[in-house]
Amino acid sequence: MGKRIVILGGGESGVGAALLAKQKGYDVFVSDAGSLNERYRNELLQAGIEFEEGKHDVERILRADEIMKSPGIPEKVSLVKQIRAKGIPVISEMELAYRYKGNSRIIAITGSNGKTTTTALTYHICKTAGLDCALVGNIGYSFARQVMEDPRELYVAEISSFQLDDIHAFRADTAILTNITEDHLDRYDYQFENYIRSKFRVTMNQQENDNLIYCADDEVTMKYIGQELAIGFNIRANLLPISMKRELPNGAFIKDGDMYIRTGQEFTSMSVYDFALKGKHNQYNTMAACVAAATVDIRKEKIRDAVQNFRTLEHRMEPVATVRGVEFINDSKATNVNSTWYALESMTKPVVLILGGVDKGNDYSLLTEMAQEKVKTIICLGTDNQKIHDAFKGVVENIVDAASAVEAVHTAFHFAAKGDAVLLSPACASFDLFKNYEDRGNQFKKAVKEL
């Protein structure tokens, strides 16, 4: 038999990794403490991959040559501690996919905020320019699954710090570090520096002809750029900073309403009034995406066109409206707990969360810490909400049921204060009350617009 790999976690990244590992001749075993979503269970059965759910066979797991850990599983779980104590190499899905990417190039995007938008926009520019590319990582397909099913010449990958924690050889041709704010400190022993070090790992293996795009206006990033001791390695990549505060010889900056980009000899400029994405944070995201596109030799006219006609992905963290200081966001595409976790991760305001629908054996405990930190009220939108009530009782102060999108929106608005956000990120399939997630998102948007 081939090398024994155990995959912890049977979500999108775990199953993607399992399918790729199986294709490459590994002896694969998938173990998930929760229950698997039906689609993933069927995929594993069809591929003839052994798996267990609802438990971990510790003895079998500890016989592995290598372990791929899902990014949702923290280091402090006793199983992970046992694995570390035994010295079994732990890799992330990114690392596994990287081994089999061939000559393809990678643009990797990480950071505390803005990474999903920056990733989506970078991909949009590359796709519009006609490159053979795929969108992978936390947004869209798992990287491993893409490499197995439909390899491309360029991967635009959104990567969380948890995935970076377990890379070893993974190397991006172009890396974007959007910014670093205090986030997930619970997973980093409440040491901000551990989290910062994690984020910088995106450039750890980069060489002189690779590029690192970062925000020169972000204090934390700037404090650590060039601090070899603090981050644990030398940064060798070509540095391409972005700024709104000062002119830069390389990278990108905005001055008097115009954005200037320079990577090497090429020089491009465009007006920020042409950016499809509004808001200051989106000007940073747009600059980063444009610089990344320039590093893969996309002509400036193509970049300009793509930036002007970009639309945020519908039903994926889609801003709907702000009503009396309450922001409404449609993330109806979040049909699993992981997606909702990422949605909450990106929120900076207090959240009224609309959750629920057809539960595919969800493990809501993955959301407890996030909910404790960010959610003040949960509105349950589904025909059977008991499991959500049980999971969040004592974690979130108000939990209320709603039987329709209109009722959910009105109830959420009632509980929200100025400066809060109402987030529809259900973590469930939609077919109890709606045709599909699009229908759910559209009904939500309609109800918000009628407020």
Protein backbone atom coordinates (compact mmCIF):
# COMPACT_ATOMS: atom_id res chain seq x y z
CA MET A 1 0.00 0.00 0.00
CA GLY A 2 0.99 3.60 -0.42
CA LYS A 3 1.84 6.06 2.28
CA ARG A 4 -0.83 6.12 5.01
CA ILE A 5 -2.57 9.47 5.23
CA VAL A 6 -5.33 10.24 7.70
CA ILE A 7 -7.60 13.17 7.01
CA LEU A 8 -9.22 14.84 10.00
CA GLY A 9 -12.46 16.56 9.08
CA GLY A 10 -14.78 15.56 6.26
CA GLY A 11 -15.84 18.95 4.94
CA GLU A 12 -14.97 20.46 1.56
CA SER A 13 -11.22 20.63 2.20
CA GLY A 14 -11.05 17.21 3.85
CA VAL A 15 -12.99 15.39 1.16
CA GLY A 16 -11.15 17.24 -1.62
CA ALA A 17 -7.86 16.18 -0.05
CA ALA A 18 -9.06 12.60 0.37
CA LEU A 19 -10.03 12.32 -3.30
CA LEU A 20 -6.69 13.73 -4.46
CA ALA A 21 -4.67 11.55 -2.07
CA LYS A 22 -6.55 8.45 -3.24
CA GLN A 23 -5.89 9.37 -6.88
CA LYS A 24 -2.18 9.71 -6.08
CA GLY A 25 -1.97 6.26 -4.53
CA TYR A 26 -2.08 7.04 -0.82
CA ASP A 27 -3.80 4.73 1.63
CA VAL A 28 -6.52 7.17 2.81
CA PHE A 29 -8.68 7.21 5.94
CA VAL A 30 -11.05 10.08 6.76
CA SER A 31 -12.12 10.71 10.36
CA ASP A 32 -14.73 13.26 11.42
CA ALA A 33 -15.95 13.77 14.98
CA GLY A 34 -19.24 15.15 13.63
CA SER A 35 -21.46 13.65 10.98
CA LEU A 36 -20.70 14.01 7.29
CA ASN A 37 -22.88 15.90 4.88
CA GLU A 38 -24.61 13.44 2.58
CA ARG A 39 -22.91 14.65 -0.58
CA TYR A 40 -19.46 14.19 0.94
CA ARG A 41 -20.38 10.80 2.38
CA ASN A 42 -21.49 9.63 -1.08
CA GLU A 43 -18.31 10.94 -2.70
CA LEU A 44 -16.15 8.99 -0.25
CA LEU A 45 -18.23 5.83 -0.74
CA GLN A 46 -18.02 6.14 -4.52
CA ALA A 47 -14.25 6.63 -4.40
CA GLY A 48 -13.89 3.61 -2.10
CA ILE A 49 -12.30 5.71 0.64
CA GLU A 50 -12.61 4.42 4.20
CA PHE A 51 -14.06 6.87 6.69
CA GLU A 52 -15.60 7.15 10.13
CA GLU A 53 -17.98 9.75 11.51
CA GLY A 54 -19.18 10.71 14.96
CA LYS A 55 -15.92 9.50 16.49
CA HIS A 56 -12.15 9.28 16.13
CA ASP A 57 -10.37 5.91 16.11
CA VAL A 58 -7.32 7.31 17.90
CA GLU A 59 -5.19 4.18 17.55
CA ARG A 60 -5.71 4.04 13.82
CA ILE A 61 -5.13 7.77 13.42
CA LEU A 62 -1.84 7.56 15.32
CA ARG A 63 -0.58 4.87 12.89
CA ALA A 64 -0.60 7.39 10.03
CA ASP A 65 2.55 8.42 8.15
CA GLU A 66 1.03 11.84 7.65
CA ILE A 67 -2.07 13.69 8.80
CA MET A 68 -4.02 16.33 6.96
CA LYS A 69 -5.92 18.45 9.43
CA SER A 70 -8.98 20.46 8.51
CA PRO A 71 -8.43 24.17 9.29
CA GLY A 72 -11.41 24.18 11.67
CA ILE A 73 -9.73 21.85 14.19
CA PRO A 74 -7.71 23.77 16.81
CA GLU A 75 -4.34 22.65 18.14
CA LYS A 76 -5.67 22.42 21.68
CA VAL A 77 -7.90 19.40 20.90
CA SER A 78 -6.45 16.39 22.71
CA LEU A 79 -6.27 14.30 19.53
CA VAL A 80 -4.09 16.94 17.86
CA LYS A 81 -1.89 17.08 20.95
CA GLN A 82 -1.42 13.29 20.77
CA ILE A 83 -0.52 13.53 17.08
CA ARG A 84 2.02 16.27 17.78
CA ALA A 85 3.48 14.35 20.71
CA LYS A 86 4.01 11.35 18.45
CA GLY A 87 5.73 13.56 15.88
CA ILE A 88 3.49 12.60 12.95
CA PRO A 89 3.81 15.29 10.24
CA VAL A 90 0.66 17.42 10.00
CA ILE A 91 -0.11 19.14 6.71
CA SER A 92 -2.91 21.33 5.47
CA GLU A 93 -4.96 20.70 2.35
CA MET A 94 -3.02 23.55 0.65
CA GLU A 95 0.22 21.65 1.18
CA LEU A 96 -1.17 18.42 -0.27
CA ALA A 97 -2.62 20.15 -3.33
CA TYR A 98 0.64 22.06 -3.83
CA ARG A 99 2.57 18.79 -4.24
CA TYR A 100 0.52 17.95 -7.33
CA LYS A 101 0.00 21.33 -8.95
CA GLY A 102 2.63 20.65 -11.64
CA ASN A 103 3.89 23.80 -13.37
CA SER A 104 0.83 25.82 -12.45
CA ARG A 105 1.23 29.22 -10.84
CA ILE A 106 -0.43 30.27 -7.59
CA ILE A 107 -1.66 33.62 -6.38
CA ALA A 108 -2.34 33.15 -2.66
CA ILE A 109 -4.37 35.65 -0.66
CA THR A 110 -4.44 35.85 3.12
CA GLY A 111 -5.08 38.53 5.73
CA SER A 112 -7.53 39.34 8.51
CA ASN A 113 -10.04 41.29 6.44
CA GLY A 114 -10.83 41.68 2.77
CA LYS A 115 -9.36 38.42 1.59
CA THR A 116 -12.55 37.01 0.07
CA THR A 117 -13.22 40.17 -1.92
CA THR A 118 -9.59 40.47 -3.00
CA THR A 119 -9.56 36.81 -4.05
CA ALA A 120 -12.81 37.09 -5.99
CA LEU A 121 -11.63 40.25 -7.76
CA THR A 122 -8.18 38.83 -8.59
CA TYR A 123 -9.84 35.76 -10.07
CA HIS A 124 -12.31 37.93 -11.99
CA ILE A 125 -9.45 39.95 -13.55
CA CYS A 126 -7.52 36.79 -14.49
CA LYS A 127 -10.60 35.11 -15.93
CA THR A 128 -11.69 38.22 -17.86
CA ALA A 129 -8.17 38.42 -19.30
CA GLY A 130 -8.58 34.89 -20.64
CA LEU A 131 -6.17 33.04 -18.35
CA ASP A 132 -6.78 29.35 -17.64
CA CYS A 133 -7.48 29.81 -13.94
CA ALA A 134 -9.53 28.49 -11.01
CA LEU A 135 -10.75 29.99 -7.76
CA VAL A 136 -9.88 27.75 -4.81
CA GLY A 137 -9.42 27.63 -1.06
CA ASN A 138 -11.83 29.07 1.45
CA ILE A 139 -13.86 30.52 -1.36
CA GLY A 140 -15.28 28.04 -3.82
CA TYR A 141 -13.73 24.64 -4.41
CA SER A 142 -11.10 22.98 -2.34
CA PHE A 143 -7.66 23.39 -3.93
CA ALA A 144 -7.01 19.63 -3.76
CA ARG A 145 -10.30 18.80 -5.47
CA GLN A 146 -9.57 21.27 -8.27
CA VAL A 147 -6.09 19.80 -8.84
CA MET A 148 -7.61 16.32 -9.00
CA GLU A 149 -10.66 17.01 -11.18
CA ASP A 150 -9.71 19.90 -13.39
CA PRO A 151 -6.13 21.17 -13.18
CA ARG A 152 -5.50 24.74 -14.38
CA GLU A 153 -2.46 26.85 -15.23
CA LEU A 154 -3.19 29.37 -12.49
CA TYR A 155 -4.83 28.97 -9.09
CA VAL A 156 -6.18 31.99 -7.22
CA ALA A 157 -6.36 30.73 -3.64
CA GLU A 158 -7.80 32.25 -0.51
CA ILE A 159 -5.90 30.89 2.47
CA SER A 160 -6.64 31.24 6.17
CA SER A 161 -3.94 31.49 8.82
CA PHE A 162 -5.00 28.02 10.04
CA GLN A 163 -4.15 26.55 6.66
CA LEU A 164 -0.82 28.39 6.64
CA ASP A 165 0.05 26.91 10.04
CA ASP A 166 0.44 23.52 8.41
CA ILE A 167 2.29 24.32 5.19
CA HIS A 168 5.87 23.14 4.72
CA ALA A 169 6.86 23.48 1.05
CA PHE A 170 3.83 25.41 -0.23
CA ARG A 171 4.98 28.42 -2.21
CA ALA A 172 2.95 31.05 -4.01
CA ASP A 173 4.31 32.84 -7.08
CA THR A 174 2.45 35.91 -5.86
CA ALA A 175 1.22 36.30 -2.28
CA ILE A 176 -1.12 38.98 -0.99
CA LEU A 177 -1.23 39.83 2.72
CA THR A 178 -4.20 42.22 2.95
CA ASN A 179 -3.74 43.35 6.57
CA ILE A 180 -3.37 41.94 10.07
CA THR A 181 -5.76 42.75 12.88
CA GLU A 182 -6.25 41.00 16.21
CA ASP A 183 -8.27 38.00 15.19
CA HIS A 184 -8.65 34.37 16.30
CA LEU A 185 -6.44 34.98 19.26
CA ASP A 186 -8.18 32.11 21.00
CA ARG A 187 -6.49 29.78 18.51
CA TYR A 188 -3.09 31.38 19.08
CA ASP A 189 -2.87 31.22 22.89
CA TYR A 190 -3.98 34.85 23.01
CA GLN A 191 -0.57 35.83 21.64
CA PHE A 192 -1.07 38.31 18.81
CA GLU A 193 2.48 37.62 17.67
CA ASN A 194 1.69 33.92 17.02
CA TYR A 195 -1.14 34.95 14.73
CA ILE A 196 1.06 37.51 12.93
CA ARG A 197 3.73 34.87 12.39
CA SER A 198 1.05 32.59 10.91
CA LYS A 199 -0.01 35.19 8.38
CA PHE A 200 3.57 35.88 7.30
CA ARG A 201 4.03 32.16 6.53
CA VAL A 202 2.36 32.93 3.19
CA THR A 203 5.76 34.28 2.06
CA MET A 204 7.95 31.85 4.01
CA ASN A 205 9.03 29.77 1.00
CA GLN A 206 8.96 32.52 -1.61
CA GLN A 207 12.09 33.16 -3.67
CA GLU A 208 13.54 36.36 -5.19
CA ASN A 209 11.42 36.14 -8.33
CA ASP A 210 8.17 35.64 -6.39
CA ASN A 211 6.11 38.63 -5.27
CA LEU A 212 4.71 39.71 -1.92
CA ILE A 213 1.95 42.31 -2.03
CA TYR A 214 1.15 43.92 1.33
CA CYS A 215 -0.43 47.04 2.75
CA ALA A 216 2.11 49.73 3.63
CA ASP A 217 -0.59 51.57 5.61
CA ASP A 218 -1.16 48.63 7.95
CA GLU A 219 0.81 49.27 11.13
CA VAL A 220 1.13 45.66 12.19
CA THR A 221 2.35 44.48 8.79
CA MET A 222 4.88 47.30 8.60
CA LYS A 223 6.17 46.62 12.09
CA TYR A 224 7.04 43.03 11.06
CA ILE A 225 8.25 43.48 7.47
CA GLY A 226 12.00 42.98 7.68
CA GLN A 227 11.81 41.61 11.24
CA GLU A 228 13.41 38.24 10.59
CA LEU A 229 13.62 37.34 14.26
CA ALA A 230 10.00 38.15 14.96
CA ILE A 231 8.55 36.18 12.05
CA GLY A 232 11.14 33.43 12.09
CA PHE A 233 12.57 33.66 8.56
CA ASN A 234 13.97 36.07 5.97
CA ILE A 235 11.57 37.48 3.43
CA ARG A 236 13.18 36.94 0.04
CA ALA A 237 10.27 37.84 -2.22
CA ASN A 238 10.10 40.95 -4.38
CA LEU A 239 8.15 43.47 -2.24
CA LEU A 240 5.15 45.22 -3.79
CA PRO A 241 3.52 47.46 -1.17
CA ILE A 242 0.20 49.28 -1.62
CA SER A 243 -0.73 52.59 0.01
CA MET A 244 -3.27 55.39 0.09
CA LYS A 245 -1.01 57.61 2.12
CA ARG A 246 2.13 57.99 0.07
CA GLU A 247 3.63 57.53 -3.36
CA LEU A 248 5.59 54.30 -3.83
CA PRO A 249 8.19 53.43 -6.48
CA ASN A 250 6.82 49.86 -6.75
CA GLY A 251 3.45 48.28 -6.05
CA ALA A 252 0.45 50.60 -6.06
CA PHE A 253 -0.75 53.82 -4.50
CA ILE A 254 -3.73 56.14 -4.71
CA LYS A 255 -3.24 59.85 -5.05
CA ASP A 256 -5.89 62.49 -5.76
CA GLY A 257 -8.44 59.88 -6.78
CA ASP A 258 -6.12 57.97 -9.14
CA MET A 259 -4.55 54.59 -8.61
CA TYR A 260 -1.04 54.00 -9.96
CA ILE A 261 0.38 50.49 -10.35
CA ARG A 262 3.98 49.59 -11.07
CA THR A 263 5.51 46.11 -11.14
CA GLY A 264 8.82 46.25 -12.96
CA GLN A 265 8.74 48.48 -16.03
CA GLU A 266 5.00 48.56 -16.66
CA PHE A 267 3.11 51.53 -15.28
CA THR A 268 -0.71 51.70 -15.19
CA SER A 269 -3.13 54.20 -13.75
CA MET A 270 -6.90 54.42 -13.41
CA SER A 271 -9.42 56.52 -11.55
CA VAL A 272 -10.82 55.14 -8.29
CA TYR A 273 -14.21 56.43 -9.45
CA ASP A 274 -14.14 53.61 -12.00
CA PHE A 275 -13.79 50.94 -9.30
CA ALA A 276 -16.92 48.79 -9.18
CA LEU A 277 -16.34 48.21 -5.45
CA LYS A 278 -17.11 51.16 -3.21
CA GLY A 279 -15.70 51.94 0.22
CA LYS A 280 -12.20 52.67 1.41
CA HIS A 281 -11.41 49.08 2.41
CA ASN A 282 -12.36 48.02 -1.11
CA GLN A 283 -9.86 50.47 -2.59
CA TYR A 284 -7.14 48.51 -0.79
CA ASN A 285 -8.65 45.22 -1.99
CA THR A 286 -8.81 46.53 -5.55
CA MET A 287 -5.21 47.79 -5.50
CA ALA A 288 -3.97 44.42 -4.21
CA ALA A 289 -5.90 42.52 -6.89
CA CYS A 290 -4.65 44.82 -9.65
CA VAL A 291 -1.02 44.47 -8.58
CA ALA A 292 -1.44 40.67 -8.44
CA ALA A 293 -2.91 40.69 -11.95
CA ALA A 294 0.02 42.77 -13.17
CA THR A 295 2.46 40.18 -11.76
CA VAL A 296 0.95 37.52 -14.04
CA ASP A 297 1.43 39.83 -17.04
CA ILE A 298 -2.15 40.87 -17.67
CA ARG A 299 -2.36 43.94 -19.91
CA LYS A 300 -3.48 47.14 -18.27
CA GLU A 301 -6.55 47.59 -20.50
CA LYS A 302 -7.78 44.16 -19.41
CA ILE A 303 -7.21 45.01 -15.74
CA ARG A 304 -9.08 48.28 -16.15
CA ASP A 305 -12.06 46.64 -17.88
CA ALA A 306 -12.29 43.86 -15.30
CA VAL A 307 -12.16 46.23 -12.33
CA GLN A 308 -14.93 48.36 -13.80
CA ASN A 309 -17.32 45.50 -14.45
CA PHE A 310 -16.74 43.39 -11.33
CA ARG A 311 -19.84 42.50 -9.35
CA THR A 312 -19.59 41.00 -5.90
CA LEU A 313 -20.62 37.37 -5.99
CA GLU A 314 -24.37 37.13 -5.56
CA HIS A 315 -25.47 35.40 -2.32
CA ARG A 316 -21.90 35.35 -1.04
CA MET A 317 -21.38 38.09 1.58
CA GLU A 318 -23.41 40.31 -0.72
CA PRO A 319 -24.21 43.74 0.78
CA VAL A 320 -27.96 44.34 0.36
CA ALA A 321 -28.70 47.68 2.02
CA THR A 322 -28.16 49.71 5.16
CA VAL A 323 -31.43 50.59 6.86
CA ARG A 324 -31.26 53.14 9.67
CA GLY A 325 -27.67 52.26 10.42
CA VAL A 326 -28.23 48.48 10.25
CA GLU A 327 -26.31 46.73 7.49
CA PHE A 328 -27.99 43.73 5.81
CA ILE A 329 -25.75 41.07 4.21
CA ASN A 330 -26.90 38.16 2.06
CA ASP A 331 -24.68 35.10 2.46
CA SER A 332 -27.36 32.59 1.48
CA LYS A 333 -24.72 30.52 -0.32
CA ALA A 334 -23.40 29.49 3.10
CA THR A 335 -25.03 26.06 3.14
CA ASN A 336 -22.60 24.52 5.61
CA VAL A 337 -21.18 25.38 9.03
CA ASN A 338 -17.72 26.13 7.60
CA SER A 339 -19.08 28.80 5.25
CA THR A 340 -20.95 30.47 8.09
CA TRP A 341 -17.82 30.29 10.22
CA TYR A 342 -15.90 32.18 7.51
CA ALA A 343 -18.73 34.69 7.17
CA LEU A 344 -18.68 35.41 10.89
CA GLU A 345 -14.89 35.52 10.82
CA SER A 346 -15.02 38.44 8.41
CA MET A 347 -17.56 40.46 10.43
CA THR A 348 -16.35 43.50 12.33
CA LYS A 349 -19.75 44.69 13.64
CA PRO A 350 -22.02 43.02 16.19
CA VAL A 351 -24.13 40.46 14.31
CA VAL A 352 -27.76 39.42 14.25
CA LEU A 353 -27.39 36.05 12.56
CA ILE A 354 -30.12 34.36 10.52
CA LEU A 355 -29.37 30.64 10.72
CA GLY A 356 -31.10 27.40 9.83
CA GLY A 357 -32.83 25.32 7.18
CA VAL A 358 -32.28 21.68 6.36
CA ASP A 359 -29.59 20.44 8.71
CA LYS A 360 -27.22 17.92 7.12
CA GLY A 361 -25.96 16.65 10.45
CA ASN A 362 -24.34 19.97 11.25
CA ASP A 363 -21.92 20.32 14.09
CA TYR A 364 -22.77 23.78 15.37
CA SER A 365 -20.12 23.55 18.08
CA LEU A 366 -17.66 24.78 15.42
CA LEU A 367 -19.49 28.10 15.63
CA THR A 368 -19.72 28.46 19.41
CA GLU A 369 -16.58 30.53 19.94
CA MET A 370 -17.29 32.73 16.94
CA ALA A 371 -20.90 33.23 18.03
CA GLN A 372 -19.89 34.05 21.59
CA GLU A 373 -17.57 36.73 20.29
CA LYS A 374 -19.67 38.26 17.53
CA VAL A 375 -23.36 37.26 17.61
CA LYS A 376 -25.93 38.97 19.85
CA THR A 377 -29.08 37.36 18.43
CA ILE A 378 -29.82 34.30 16.32
CA ILE A 379 -32.96 34.19 14.19
CA CYS A 380 -33.79 30.58 13.25
CA LEU A 381 -35.17 30.32 9.74
CA GLY A 382 -36.31 26.77 9.23
CA THR A 383 -39.08 24.30 9.93
CA ASP A 384 -37.16 22.48 12.67
CA ASN A 385 -34.90 24.70 14.78
CA GLN A 386 -34.52 22.66 17.96
CA LYS A 387 -30.90 21.72 17.30
CA ILE A 388 -29.89 25.38 16.88
CA HIS A 389 -31.64 26.30 20.15
CA ASP A 390 -29.81 23.47 21.93
CA ALA A 391 -26.44 24.39 20.43
CA PHE A 392 -26.52 28.09 21.26
CA LYS A 393 -28.49 28.21 24.50
CA GLY A 394 -26.35 30.16 26.94
CA VAL A 395 -23.94 31.19 24.17
CA VAL A 396 -26.09 33.80 22.42
CA GLU A 397 -28.50 35.87 24.46
CA ASN A 398 -31.57 35.85 22.16
CA ILE A 399 -32.66 32.94 19.95
CA VAL A 400 -35.91 33.49 18.06
CA ASP A 401 -37.80 31.51 15.40
CA ALA A 402 -39.05 32.85 12.07
CA ALA A 403 -41.10 30.99 9.49
CA SER A 404 -40.38 33.09 6.40
CA ALA A 405 -37.76 35.42 4.95
CA VAL A 406 -40.01 38.42 5.65
CA GLU A 407 -40.53 37.43 9.27
CA ALA A 408 -36.79 36.77 9.69
CA VAL A 409 -35.88 40.20 8.30
CA HIS A 410 -38.43 42.03 10.47
CA THR A 411 -37.44 40.14 13.60
CA ALA A 412 -33.75 40.71 12.91
CA PHE A 413 -34.35 44.43 12.36
CA HIS A 414 -36.20 44.59 15.67
CA PHE A 415 -33.22 43.11 17.54
CA ALA A 416 -30.54 45.07 15.67
CA ALA A 417 -29.21 48.39 16.88
CA LYS A 418 -27.58 51.10 14.80
CA GLY A 419 -24.07 49.94 13.85
CA ASP A 420 -25.03 46.24 13.85
CA ALA A 421 -25.15 43.93 10.86
CA VAL A 422 -27.90 41.45 10.02
CA LEU A 423 -26.25 38.49 8.36
CA LEU A 424 -28.15 35.77 6.50
CA SER A 425 -25.61 32.94 6.63
CA PRO A 426 -27.74 29.87 7.26
CA ALA A 427 -25.16 27.01 7.48
CA CYS A 428 -27.91 24.76 6.10
CA ALA A 429 -29.54 23.75 2.85
CA SER A 430 -32.65 25.71 1.97
CA PHE A 431 -35.21 23.32 0.61
CA ASP A 432 -37.54 23.27 3.61
CA LEU A 433 -38.87 26.80 3.00
CA PHE A 434 -37.23 27.74 -0.32
CA LYS A 435 -36.49 26.27 -3.74
CA ASN A 436 -32.73 26.66 -3.32
CA TYR A 437 -30.18 28.99 -1.77
CA GLU A 438 -30.67 31.55 -4.57
CA ASP A 439 -34.40 31.70 -3.88
CA ARG A 440 -33.66 32.10 -0.16
CA GLY A 441 -31.21 34.94 -0.87
CA ASN A 442 -33.59 36.66 -3.26
CA GLN A 443 -36.51 36.50 -0.81
CA PHE A 444 -34.24 37.90 1.90
CA LYS A 445 -33.12 40.78 -0.37
CA LYS A 446 -36.70 41.55 -1.34
CA ALA A 447 -37.79 41.66 2.32
CA VAL A 448 -34.88 44.00 3.18
CA LYS A 449 -35.72 46.37 0.32
CA GLU A 450 -39.35 46.51 1.54
CA LEU A 451 -38.34 47.44 5.10
